[in-house]
Amino acid sequence: MTNKTKTISSLIFAFLIIIANYTVQFQINEWLTYGAILFPFTFLLTDILSEKYSKEDVLSVVKMGIVVAIIPTILISDWRIAFASIVTFYVIQQLDVKLFHYLMSKFQKQWWIRNNVSTMVSSFFDTVLFFTLAFAFILPFDVIVKLIIGDYLIKLVLALLDTPLFYLFAIRLKEYSFGKK
């Protein structure tokens, strides 16, 4: 992975993290926050990068994105959200990248399996960990559970809906770039 690709990808990650951290503070309804709509794109970006680059390169991008996002996140978010987001993003993106690469070794031709399964599994743990860290002892337990359910359901839907984008950017463009078509 070139330094330019690493830098641009890290800045995109940081932007998505910062915007999601700000918007997660605002509920759409009792089940959903605005952050749920933006954050799943971090998983799509991780998967697109993982399709072409090594696990180490992608994890390097994730770490750089977190470093860039720390200060802006602290400035625009409640400290609990900032802490929960940075910790969760670091831990869960590790899981997502490693799971994606594992699934890629097992399902070499079934790109949709690695894209969807890694995102769906990682999104579940991301949602539970984030809402627990960010809102435990602040919001009532039943409210946190509702937010987890609503957030995860949106992430599931978006994971399925981003499948054509993954195909376009990770599979089709890779085929063209390697001269297969």
N, C-alpha and C. Protein backbone atom coordinates (compact mmCIF):
# COMPACT_ATOMS: atom_id res chain seq x y z
N MET A 1 0.86 -1.17 0.00
CA MET A 1 0.00 0.00 0.00
C MET A 1 0.91 1.24 0.00
N THR A 2 0.61 2.16 -0.88
CA THR A 2 1.42 3.37 -0.96
C THR A 2 1.10 4.30 0.21
N ASN A 3 2.02 5.19 0.49
CA ASN A 3 1.80 6.17 1.56
C ASN A 3 0.60 7.06 1.25
N LYS A 4 0.42 7.39 -0.02
CA LYS A 4 -0.71 8.22 -0.43
C LYS A 4 -2.03 7.50 -0.14
N THR A 5 -2.12 6.23 -0.50
CA THR A 5 -3.33 5.45 -0.23
C THR A 5 -3.57 5.35 1.26
N LYS A 6 -2.51 5.12 2.04
CA LYS A 6 -2.63 5.03 3.49
C LYS A 6 -3.14 6.34 4.08
N THR A 7 -2.58 7.43 3.62
CA THR A 7 -2.96 8.74 4.14
C THR A 7 -4.41 9.07 3.81
N ILE A 8 -4.78 8.90 2.55
CA ILE A 8 -6.15 9.21 2.14
C ILE A 8 -7.15 8.32 2.87
N SER A 9 -6.86 7.03 2.94
CA SER A 9 -7.76 6.10 3.64
C SER A 9 -7.88 6.44 5.11
N SER A 10 -6.76 6.80 5.74
CA SER A 10 -6.78 7.16 7.16
C SER A 10 -7.60 8.42 7.40
N LEU A 11 -7.49 9.38 6.50
CA LEU A 11 -8.28 10.62 6.63
C LEU A 11 -9.77 10.35 6.45
N ILE A 12 -10.10 9.46 5.53
CA ILE A 12 -11.52 9.08 5.35
C ILE A 12 -12.04 8.40 6.61
N PHE A 13 -11.24 7.48 7.17
CA PHE A 13 -11.64 6.83 8.42
C PHE A 13 -11.85 7.87 9.51
N ALA A 14 -10.89 8.76 9.66
CA ALA A 14 -10.98 9.77 10.71
C ALA A 14 -12.24 10.62 10.53
N PHE A 15 -12.52 11.03 9.31
CA PHE A 15 -13.71 11.84 9.03
C PHE A 15 -14.97 11.08 9.44
N LEU A 16 -15.06 9.81 9.03
CA LEU A 16 -16.25 9.02 9.37
C LEU A 16 -16.39 8.85 10.88
N ILE A 17 -15.28 8.62 11.57
CA ILE A 17 -15.31 8.46 13.03
C ILE A 17 -15.80 9.75 13.69
N ILE A 18 -15.22 10.86 13.27
CA ILE A 18 -15.56 12.15 13.88
C ILE A 18 -17.03 12.48 13.68
N ILE A 19 -17.51 12.35 12.46
CA ILE A 19 -18.91 12.68 12.17
C ILE A 19 -19.86 11.72 12.90
N ALA A 20 -19.52 10.43 12.90
CA ALA A 20 -20.37 9.45 13.60
C ALA A 20 -20.39 9.73 15.11
N ASN A 21 -19.24 10.12 15.66
CA ASN A 21 -19.18 10.41 17.10
C ASN A 21 -19.99 11.64 17.48
N TYR A 22 -20.03 12.59 16.61
CA TYR A 22 -20.85 13.76 16.87
C TYR A 22 -22.33 13.42 16.75
N THR A 23 -22.69 12.73 15.68
CA THR A 23 -24.11 12.47 15.40
C THR A 23 -24.71 11.39 16.29
N VAL A 24 -23.89 10.55 16.93
CA VAL A 24 -24.43 9.52 17.82
C VAL A 24 -25.06 10.14 19.06
N GLN A 25 -24.75 11.39 19.31
CA GLN A 25 -25.32 12.08 20.47
C GLN A 25 -26.78 12.47 20.28
N PHE A 26 -27.26 12.34 19.04
CA PHE A 26 -28.62 12.77 18.72
C PHE A 26 -29.46 11.57 18.29
N GLN A 27 -30.54 11.37 19.01
CA GLN A 27 -31.42 10.25 18.70
C GLN A 27 -32.42 10.64 17.61
N ILE A 28 -32.65 9.71 16.68
CA ILE A 28 -33.69 9.85 15.67
C ILE A 28 -35.03 9.50 16.32
N ASN A 29 -34.98 8.42 17.08
CA ASN A 29 -36.13 7.97 17.86
C ASN A 29 -35.58 7.17 19.03
N GLU A 30 -36.42 6.47 19.77
CA GLU A 30 -35.93 5.75 20.94
C GLU A 30 -35.06 4.54 20.60
N TRP A 31 -35.00 4.17 19.33
CA TRP A 31 -34.24 3.01 18.90
C TRP A 31 -32.97 3.35 18.12
N LEU A 32 -32.81 4.59 17.73
CA LEU A 32 -31.79 4.89 16.73
C LEU A 32 -31.17 6.27 16.89
N THR A 33 -29.84 6.33 16.64
CA THR A 33 -29.14 7.61 16.60
C THR A 33 -28.66 7.88 15.17
N TYR A 34 -28.34 9.12 14.89
CA TYR A 34 -27.84 9.47 13.56
C TYR A 34 -26.47 8.83 13.28
N GLY A 35 -25.71 8.59 14.32
CA GLY A 35 -24.40 7.95 14.14
C GLY A 35 -24.49 6.57 13.51
N ALA A 36 -25.60 5.89 13.72
CA ALA A 36 -25.79 4.54 13.17
C ALA A 36 -25.81 4.54 11.65
N ILE A 37 -26.14 5.66 11.08
CA ILE A 37 -26.24 5.73 9.62
C ILE A 37 -24.86 5.90 8.98
N LEU A 38 -23.97 6.61 9.66
CA LEU A 38 -22.65 6.88 9.08
C LEU A 38 -21.59 5.84 9.41
N PHE A 39 -21.60 5.36 10.64
CA PHE A 39 -20.50 4.51 11.08
C PHE A 39 -20.31 3.23 10.26
N PRO A 40 -21.36 2.60 9.75
CA PRO A 40 -21.14 1.37 8.97
C PRO A 40 -20.23 1.55 7.76
N PHE A 41 -20.09 2.77 7.28
CA PHE A 41 -19.21 2.98 6.14
C PHE A 41 -17.74 2.73 6.49
N THR A 42 -17.41 2.76 7.79
CA THR A 42 -16.04 2.41 8.17
C THR A 42 -15.78 0.93 7.90
N PHE A 43 -16.79 0.11 8.11
CA PHE A 43 -16.64 -1.33 7.82
C PHE A 43 -16.51 -1.57 6.32
N LEU A 44 -17.27 -0.84 5.53
CA LEU A 44 -17.16 -0.97 4.08
C LEU A 44 -15.76 -0.59 3.62
N LEU A 45 -15.25 0.52 4.13
CA LEU A 45 -13.91 0.94 3.74
C LEU A 45 -12.85 -0.08 4.15
N THR A 46 -12.98 -0.61 5.36
CA THR A 46 -12.05 -1.64 5.82
C THR A 46 -12.09 -2.86 4.92
N ASP A 47 -13.28 -3.28 4.53
CA ASP A 47 -13.41 -4.46 3.67
C ASP A 47 -12.85 -4.21 2.28
N ILE A 48 -13.10 -3.04 1.73
CA ILE A 48 -12.55 -2.72 0.40
C ILE A 48 -11.03 -2.75 0.45
N LEU A 49 -10.46 -2.14 1.48
CA LEU A 49 -9.00 -2.15 1.62
C LEU A 49 -8.48 -3.56 1.85
N SER A 50 -9.20 -4.34 2.65
CA SER A 50 -8.76 -5.70 2.97
C SER A 50 -8.77 -6.62 1.75
N GLU A 51 -9.64 -6.33 0.81
CA GLU A 51 -9.69 -7.15 -0.40
C GLU A 51 -8.41 -7.03 -1.22
N LYS A 52 -7.77 -5.89 -1.14
CA LYS A 52 -6.58 -5.65 -1.97
C LYS A 52 -5.28 -5.67 -1.18
N TYR A 53 -5.32 -5.26 0.06
CA TYR A 53 -4.09 -5.07 0.83
C TYR A 53 -3.98 -6.05 1.99
N SER A 54 -2.79 -6.15 2.53
CA SER A 54 -2.54 -7.09 3.63
C SER A 54 -3.24 -6.64 4.91
N LYS A 55 -3.40 -7.59 5.78
CA LYS A 55 -4.01 -7.32 7.09
C LYS A 55 -3.21 -6.23 7.82
N GLU A 56 -1.90 -6.31 7.75
CA GLU A 56 -1.05 -5.34 8.44
C GLU A 56 -1.23 -3.93 7.88
N ASP A 57 -1.31 -3.81 6.54
CA ASP A 57 -1.51 -2.50 5.93
C ASP A 57 -2.86 -1.90 6.34
N VAL A 58 -3.88 -2.71 6.33
CA VAL A 58 -5.22 -2.20 6.68
C VAL A 58 -5.27 -1.81 8.16
N LEU A 59 -4.68 -2.61 9.01
CA LEU A 59 -4.65 -2.26 10.44
C LEU A 59 -3.84 -0.99 10.68
N SER A 60 -2.83 -0.77 9.88
CA SER A 60 -2.06 0.47 9.96
C SER A 60 -2.93 1.68 9.61
N VAL A 61 -3.75 1.54 8.59
CA VAL A 61 -4.69 2.60 8.20
C VAL A 61 -5.67 2.87 9.34
N VAL A 62 -6.18 1.80 9.94
CA VAL A 62 -7.13 1.94 11.05
C VAL A 62 -6.47 2.73 12.20
N LYS A 63 -5.26 2.36 12.55
CA LYS A 63 -4.57 3.04 13.65
C LYS A 63 -4.31 4.51 13.33
N MET A 64 -3.90 4.80 12.11
CA MET A 64 -3.68 6.19 11.72
C MET A 64 -4.98 6.98 11.76
N GLY A 65 -6.06 6.37 11.30
CA GLY A 65 -7.36 7.03 11.34
C GLY A 65 -7.78 7.37 12.75
N ILE A 66 -7.53 6.47 13.68
CA ILE A 66 -7.87 6.71 15.08
C ILE A 66 -7.05 7.86 15.63
N VAL A 67 -5.76 7.86 15.36
CA VAL A 67 -4.89 8.93 15.87
C VAL A 67 -5.37 10.29 15.37
N VAL A 68 -5.71 10.36 14.09
CA VAL A 68 -6.18 11.62 13.51
C VAL A 68 -7.52 12.04 14.14
N ALA A 69 -8.36 11.08 14.48
CA ALA A 69 -9.71 11.37 14.98
C ALA A 69 -9.77 11.70 16.47
N ILE A 70 -8.74 11.39 17.22
CA ILE A 70 -8.82 11.53 18.69
C ILE A 70 -9.14 12.96 19.13
N ILE A 71 -8.34 13.91 18.75
CA ILE A 71 -8.53 15.28 19.23
C ILE A 71 -9.87 15.87 18.76
N PRO A 72 -10.20 15.79 17.45
CA PRO A 72 -11.51 16.33 17.05
C PRO A 72 -12.68 15.64 17.76
N THR A 73 -12.57 14.34 17.99
CA THR A 73 -13.63 13.61 18.68
C THR A 73 -13.80 14.13 20.10
N ILE A 74 -12.68 14.36 20.78
CA ILE A 74 -12.74 14.88 22.15
C ILE A 74 -13.36 16.27 22.17
N LEU A 75 -13.06 17.06 21.15
CA LEU A 75 -13.57 18.44 21.10
C LEU A 75 -15.07 18.53 20.79
N ILE A 76 -15.59 17.59 20.01
CA ILE A 76 -16.99 17.71 19.58
C ILE A 76 -17.95 16.74 20.26
N SER A 77 -17.41 15.82 21.04
CA SER A 77 -18.25 14.80 21.67
C SER A 77 -18.12 14.86 23.18
N ASP A 78 -19.12 14.33 23.82
CA ASP A 78 -19.04 14.10 25.25
C ASP A 78 -17.85 13.16 25.50
N TRP A 79 -17.16 13.31 26.61
CA TRP A 79 -15.96 12.52 26.87
C TRP A 79 -16.24 11.02 26.87
N ARG A 80 -17.43 10.62 27.35
CA ARG A 80 -17.76 9.19 27.36
C ARG A 80 -17.89 8.65 25.94
N ILE A 81 -18.48 9.45 25.07
CA ILE A 81 -18.63 9.03 23.67
C ILE A 81 -17.26 8.96 23.01
N ALA A 82 -16.43 9.96 23.27
CA ALA A 82 -15.08 9.96 22.70
C ALA A 82 -14.30 8.73 23.15
N PHE A 83 -14.31 8.46 24.45
CA PHE A 83 -13.60 7.30 24.98
C PHE A 83 -14.15 6.00 24.41
N ALA A 84 -15.48 5.85 24.47
CA ALA A 84 -16.12 4.62 23.98
C ALA A 84 -15.84 4.42 22.50
N SER A 85 -15.89 5.48 21.75
CA SER A 85 -15.68 5.38 20.31
C SER A 85 -14.26 4.95 19.96
N ILE A 86 -13.29 5.61 20.54
CA ILE A 86 -11.90 5.31 20.21
C ILE A 86 -11.55 3.87 20.62
N VAL A 87 -11.93 3.48 21.82
CA VAL A 87 -11.65 2.11 22.29
C VAL A 87 -12.37 1.09 21.40
N THR A 88 -13.66 1.33 21.17
CA THR A 88 -14.45 0.39 20.38
C THR A 88 -13.93 0.30 18.95
N PHE A 89 -13.67 1.44 18.35
CA PHE A 89 -13.19 1.43 16.97
C PHE A 89 -11.89 0.65 16.86
N TYR A 90 -10.97 0.88 17.77
CA TYR A 90 -9.69 0.18 17.72
C TYR A 90 -9.88 -1.33 17.87
N VAL A 91 -10.63 -1.74 18.87
CA VAL A 91 -10.82 -3.18 19.14
C VAL A 91 -11.60 -3.86 18.02
N ILE A 92 -12.70 -3.27 17.62
CA ILE A 92 -13.60 -3.94 16.69
C ILE A 92 -13.07 -3.93 15.27
N GLN A 93 -12.37 -2.88 14.88
CA GLN A 93 -11.78 -2.90 13.53
C GLN A 93 -10.69 -3.96 13.43
N GLN A 94 -10.00 -4.24 14.53
CA GLN A 94 -9.04 -5.35 14.54
C GLN A 94 -9.78 -6.66 14.24
N LEU A 95 -10.91 -6.84 14.93
CA LEU A 95 -11.73 -8.03 14.70
C LEU A 95 -12.21 -8.10 13.26
N ASP A 96 -12.72 -6.99 12.74
CA ASP A 96 -13.26 -6.97 11.38
C ASP A 96 -12.20 -7.33 10.35
N VAL A 97 -11.04 -6.71 10.45
CA VAL A 97 -9.97 -6.96 9.47
C VAL A 97 -9.49 -8.40 9.56
N LYS A 98 -9.27 -8.88 10.76
CA LYS A 98 -8.78 -10.27 10.93
C LYS A 98 -9.83 -11.28 10.47
N LEU A 99 -11.08 -11.03 10.80
CA LEU A 99 -12.15 -11.93 10.37
C LEU A 99 -12.30 -11.91 8.85
N PHE A 100 -12.23 -10.73 8.25
CA PHE A 100 -12.32 -10.62 6.80
C PHE A 100 -11.21 -11.43 6.14
N HIS A 101 -9.98 -11.28 6.60
CA HIS A 101 -8.85 -12.00 6.00
C HIS A 101 -8.97 -13.51 6.22
N TYR A 102 -9.48 -13.90 7.39
CA TYR A 102 -9.71 -15.32 7.64
C TYR A 102 -10.75 -15.87 6.65
N LEU A 103 -11.86 -15.15 6.53
CA LEU A 103 -12.92 -15.59 5.60
C LEU A 103 -12.44 -15.57 4.15
N MET A 104 -11.56 -14.65 3.82
CA MET A 104 -11.03 -14.59 2.46
C MET A 104 -10.19 -15.85 2.18
N SER A 105 -9.50 -16.35 3.18
CA SER A 105 -8.71 -17.57 2.98
C SER A 105 -9.61 -18.80 2.84
N LYS A 106 -10.78 -18.77 3.44
CA LYS A 106 -11.72 -19.90 3.40
C LYS A 106 -12.69 -19.83 2.23
N PHE A 107 -13.08 -18.61 1.85
CA PHE A 107 -14.07 -18.39 0.79
C PHE A 107 -13.48 -17.47 -0.27
N GLN A 108 -12.54 -18.00 -1.03
CA GLN A 108 -11.81 -17.17 -1.97
C GLN A 108 -12.68 -16.60 -3.09
N LYS A 109 -13.63 -17.34 -3.55
CA LYS A 109 -14.48 -16.87 -4.65
C LYS A 109 -15.79 -16.25 -4.17
N GLN A 110 -16.17 -16.50 -2.94
CA GLN A 110 -17.43 -15.99 -2.40
C GLN A 110 -17.18 -14.67 -1.66
N TRP A 111 -16.92 -13.63 -2.41
CA TRP A 111 -16.58 -12.32 -1.86
C TRP A 111 -17.70 -11.77 -0.97
N TRP A 112 -18.95 -12.07 -1.30
CA TRP A 112 -20.08 -11.54 -0.53
C TRP A 112 -20.12 -12.13 0.87
N ILE A 113 -19.61 -13.35 1.03
CA ILE A 113 -19.58 -13.96 2.36
C ILE A 113 -18.61 -13.19 3.26
N ARG A 114 -17.39 -12.98 2.78
CA ARG A 114 -16.41 -12.29 3.62
C ARG A 114 -16.83 -10.84 3.90
N ASN A 115 -17.42 -10.20 2.91
CA ASN A 115 -17.86 -8.82 3.09
C ASN A 115 -18.99 -8.74 4.12
N ASN A 116 -20.01 -9.54 3.95
CA ASN A 116 -21.18 -9.45 4.83
C ASN A 116 -20.95 -10.07 6.21
N VAL A 117 -20.37 -11.25 6.27
CA VAL A 117 -20.19 -11.90 7.57
C VAL A 117 -19.24 -11.10 8.46
N SER A 118 -18.12 -10.65 7.91
CA SER A 118 -17.19 -9.89 8.76
C SER A 118 -17.85 -8.61 9.27
N THR A 119 -18.60 -7.95 8.42
CA THR A 119 -19.26 -6.71 8.83
C THR A 119 -20.38 -6.98 9.83
N MET A 120 -21.18 -7.99 9.59
CA MET A 120 -22.31 -8.27 10.49
C MET A 120 -21.84 -8.71 11.88
N VAL A 121 -20.83 -9.56 11.93
CA VAL A 121 -20.30 -10.01 13.22
C VAL A 121 -19.64 -8.84 13.95
N SER A 122 -18.78 -8.12 13.24
CA SER A 122 -18.07 -7.00 13.86
C SER A 122 -19.04 -5.90 14.30
N SER A 123 -20.04 -5.63 13.49
CA SER A 123 -21.02 -4.60 13.84
C SER A 123 -21.77 -4.93 15.12
N PHE A 124 -22.06 -6.21 15.32
CA PHE A 124 -22.74 -6.61 16.55
C PHE A 124 -21.89 -6.25 17.76
N PHE A 125 -20.63 -6.69 17.76
CA PHE A 125 -19.75 -6.42 18.90
C PHE A 125 -19.47 -4.92 19.03
N ASP A 126 -19.35 -4.23 17.91
CA ASP A 126 -19.15 -2.79 17.93
C ASP A 126 -20.31 -2.10 18.63
N THR A 127 -21.50 -2.46 18.27
CA THR A 127 -22.69 -1.82 18.81
C THR A 127 -22.82 -2.07 20.32
N VAL A 128 -22.68 -3.31 20.73
CA VAL A 128 -22.82 -3.64 22.15
C VAL A 128 -21.73 -2.95 22.98
N LEU A 129 -20.49 -3.03 22.52
CA LEU A 129 -19.38 -2.44 23.28
C LEU A 129 -19.51 -0.92 23.35
N PHE A 130 -19.79 -0.29 22.20
CA PHE A 130 -19.88 1.17 22.20
C PHE A 130 -20.99 1.67 23.12
N PHE A 131 -22.20 1.17 22.95
CA PHE A 131 -23.31 1.69 23.75
C PHE A 131 -23.15 1.37 25.23
N THR A 132 -22.51 0.25 25.53
CA THR A 132 -22.26 -0.08 26.93
C THR A 132 -21.25 0.89 27.54
N LEU A 133 -20.14 1.11 26.84
CA LEU A 133 -19.11 2.02 27.37
C LEU A 133 -19.61 3.47 27.41
N ALA A 134 -20.32 3.89 26.39
CA ALA A 134 -20.72 5.30 26.29
C ALA A 134 -21.87 5.67 27.22
N PHE A 135 -22.79 4.75 27.45
CA PHE A 135 -24.02 5.14 28.13
C PHE A 135 -24.37 4.36 29.40
N ALA A 136 -23.53 3.40 29.79
CA ALA A 136 -23.79 2.68 31.04
C ALA A 136 -23.76 3.68 32.20
N PHE A 137 -24.68 3.55 33.10
CA PHE A 137 -24.82 4.40 34.28
C PHE A 137 -25.26 5.83 33.94
N ILE A 138 -25.53 6.09 32.66
CA ILE A 138 -26.00 7.42 32.24
C ILE A 138 -27.46 7.30 31.79
N LEU A 139 -27.71 6.30 30.94
CA LEU A 139 -29.06 6.06 30.45
C LEU A 139 -29.61 4.80 31.12
N PRO A 140 -30.91 4.71 31.25
CA PRO A 140 -31.50 3.48 31.79
C PRO A 140 -31.15 2.27 30.90
N PHE A 141 -31.05 1.13 31.53
CA PHE A 141 -30.67 -0.10 30.82
C PHE A 141 -31.57 -0.38 29.63
N ASP A 142 -32.88 -0.22 29.80
CA ASP A 142 -33.80 -0.51 28.70
C ASP A 142 -33.58 0.44 27.52
N VAL A 143 -33.19 1.66 27.78
CA VAL A 143 -32.90 2.60 26.70
C VAL A 143 -31.64 2.17 25.95
N ILE A 144 -30.63 1.75 26.68
CA ILE A 144 -29.39 1.26 26.05
C ILE A 144 -29.68 0.04 25.19
N VAL A 145 -30.49 -0.87 25.70
CA VAL A 145 -30.84 -2.07 24.92
C VAL A 145 -31.58 -1.68 23.64
N LYS A 146 -32.51 -0.76 23.74
CA LYS A 146 -33.23 -0.30 22.54
C LYS A 146 -32.26 0.32 21.53
N LEU A 147 -31.34 1.13 22.01
CA LEU A 147 -30.36 1.75 21.11
C LEU A 147 -29.47 0.70 20.46
N ILE A 148 -29.08 -0.30 21.22
CA ILE A 148 -28.26 -1.39 20.66
C ILE A 148 -29.04 -2.11 19.57
N ILE A 149 -30.27 -2.46 19.85
CA ILE A 149 -31.09 -3.18 18.87
C ILE A 149 -31.30 -2.34 17.61
N GLY A 150 -31.72 -1.10 17.78
CA GLY A 150 -31.97 -0.23 16.64
C GLY A 150 -30.70 0.03 15.83
N ASP A 151 -29.62 0.32 16.52
CA ASP A 151 -28.34 0.58 15.85
C ASP A 151 -27.87 -0.64 15.07
N TYR A 152 -27.96 -1.81 15.71
CA TYR A 152 -27.49 -3.03 15.04
C TYR A 152 -28.37 -3.37 13.83
N LEU A 153 -29.66 -3.20 13.96
CA LEU A 153 -30.54 -3.49 12.82
C LEU A 153 -30.21 -2.59 11.62
N ILE A 154 -29.94 -1.33 11.88
CA ILE A 154 -29.54 -0.42 10.79
C ILE A 154 -28.22 -0.88 10.19
N LYS A 155 -27.29 -1.27 11.03
CA LYS A 155 -26.00 -1.75 10.53
C LYS A 155 -26.16 -3.01 9.69
N LEU A 156 -27.07 -3.89 10.07
CA LEU A 156 -27.33 -5.09 9.27
C LEU A 156 -27.88 -4.72 7.90
N VAL A 157 -28.85 -3.83 7.88
CA VAL A 157 -29.44 -3.40 6.61
C VAL A 157 -28.39 -2.73 5.74
N LEU A 158 -27.61 -1.85 6.34
CA LEU A 158 -26.58 -1.15 5.55
C LEU A 158 -25.48 -2.11 5.08
N ALA A 159 -25.19 -3.13 5.86
CA ALA A 159 -24.21 -4.13 5.42
C ALA A 159 -24.69 -4.83 4.16
N LEU A 160 -25.95 -5.17 4.13
CA LEU A 160 -26.51 -5.81 2.93
C LEU A 160 -26.58 -4.82 1.76
N LEU A 161 -26.97 -3.59 2.06
CA LEU A 161 -27.08 -2.59 1.00
C LEU A 161 -25.73 -2.15 0.44
N ASP A 162 -24.67 -2.26 1.25
CA ASP A 162 -23.36 -1.85 0.73
C ASP A 162 -22.67 -2.95 -0.08
N THR A 163 -23.29 -4.12 -0.17
CA THR A 163 -22.71 -5.22 -0.93
C THR A 163 -22.42 -4.84 -2.39
N PRO A 164 -23.34 -4.18 -3.09
CA PRO A 164 -23.01 -3.76 -4.46
C PRO A 164 -21.84 -2.77 -4.52
N LEU A 165 -21.72 -1.90 -3.51
CA LEU A 165 -20.58 -0.97 -3.48
C LEU A 165 -19.28 -1.72 -3.27
N PHE A 166 -19.32 -2.71 -2.38
CA PHE A 166 -18.13 -3.54 -2.17
C PHE A 166 -17.74 -4.23 -3.47
N TYR A 167 -18.73 -4.80 -4.14
CA TYR A 167 -18.47 -5.49 -5.40
C TYR A 167 -17.84 -4.54 -6.42
N LEU A 168 -18.41 -3.36 -6.54
CA LEU A 168 -17.90 -2.40 -7.52
C LEU A 168 -16.48 -1.98 -7.19
N PHE A 169 -16.24 -1.53 -5.97
CA PHE A 169 -14.94 -0.96 -5.62
C PHE A 169 -13.87 -2.00 -5.30
N ALA A 170 -14.25 -3.13 -4.75
CA ALA A 170 -13.25 -4.12 -4.35
C ALA A 170 -13.05 -5.23 -5.37
N ILE A 171 -14.12 -5.69 -5.98
CA ILE A 171 -14.02 -6.85 -6.88
C ILE A 171 -13.84 -6.41 -8.33
N ARG A 172 -14.75 -5.62 -8.84
CA ARG A 172 -14.68 -5.21 -10.26
C ARG A 172 -13.43 -4.38 -10.55
N LEU A 173 -13.16 -3.41 -9.71
CA LEU A 173 -11.99 -2.57 -9.96
C LEU A 173 -10.69 -3.36 -9.79
N LYS A 174 -10.69 -4.32 -8.87
CA LYS A 174 -9.50 -5.16 -8.70
C LYS A 174 -9.29 -6.01 -9.95
N GLU A 175 -10.38 -6.53 -10.51
CA GLU A 175 -10.26 -7.34 -11.72
C GLU A 175 -9.69 -6.51 -12.87
N TYR A 176 -10.16 -5.28 -13.00
CA TYR A 176 -9.64 -4.42 -14.07
C TYR A 176 -8.20 -4.03 -13.81
N SER A 177 -7.87 -3.74 -12.54
CA SER A 177 -6.51 -3.30 -12.25
C SER A 177 -5.48 -4.42 -12.42
N PHE A 178 -5.91 -5.66 -12.30
CA PHE A 178 -4.99 -6.78 -12.50
C PHE A 178 -5.10 -7.39 -13.89
N GLY A 179 -5.85 -6.74 -14.75
CA GLY A 179 -5.92 -7.16 -16.15
C GLY A 179 -6.74 -8.42 -16.41
N LYS A 180 -7.65 -8.77 -15.52
CA LYS A 180 -8.44 -9.98 -15.69
C LYS A 180 -9.56 -9.78 -16.70
N LYS A 181 -9.98 -8.55 -16.94
CA LYS A 181 -11.09 -8.31 -17.86
C LYS A 181 -10.68 -7.35 -18.95
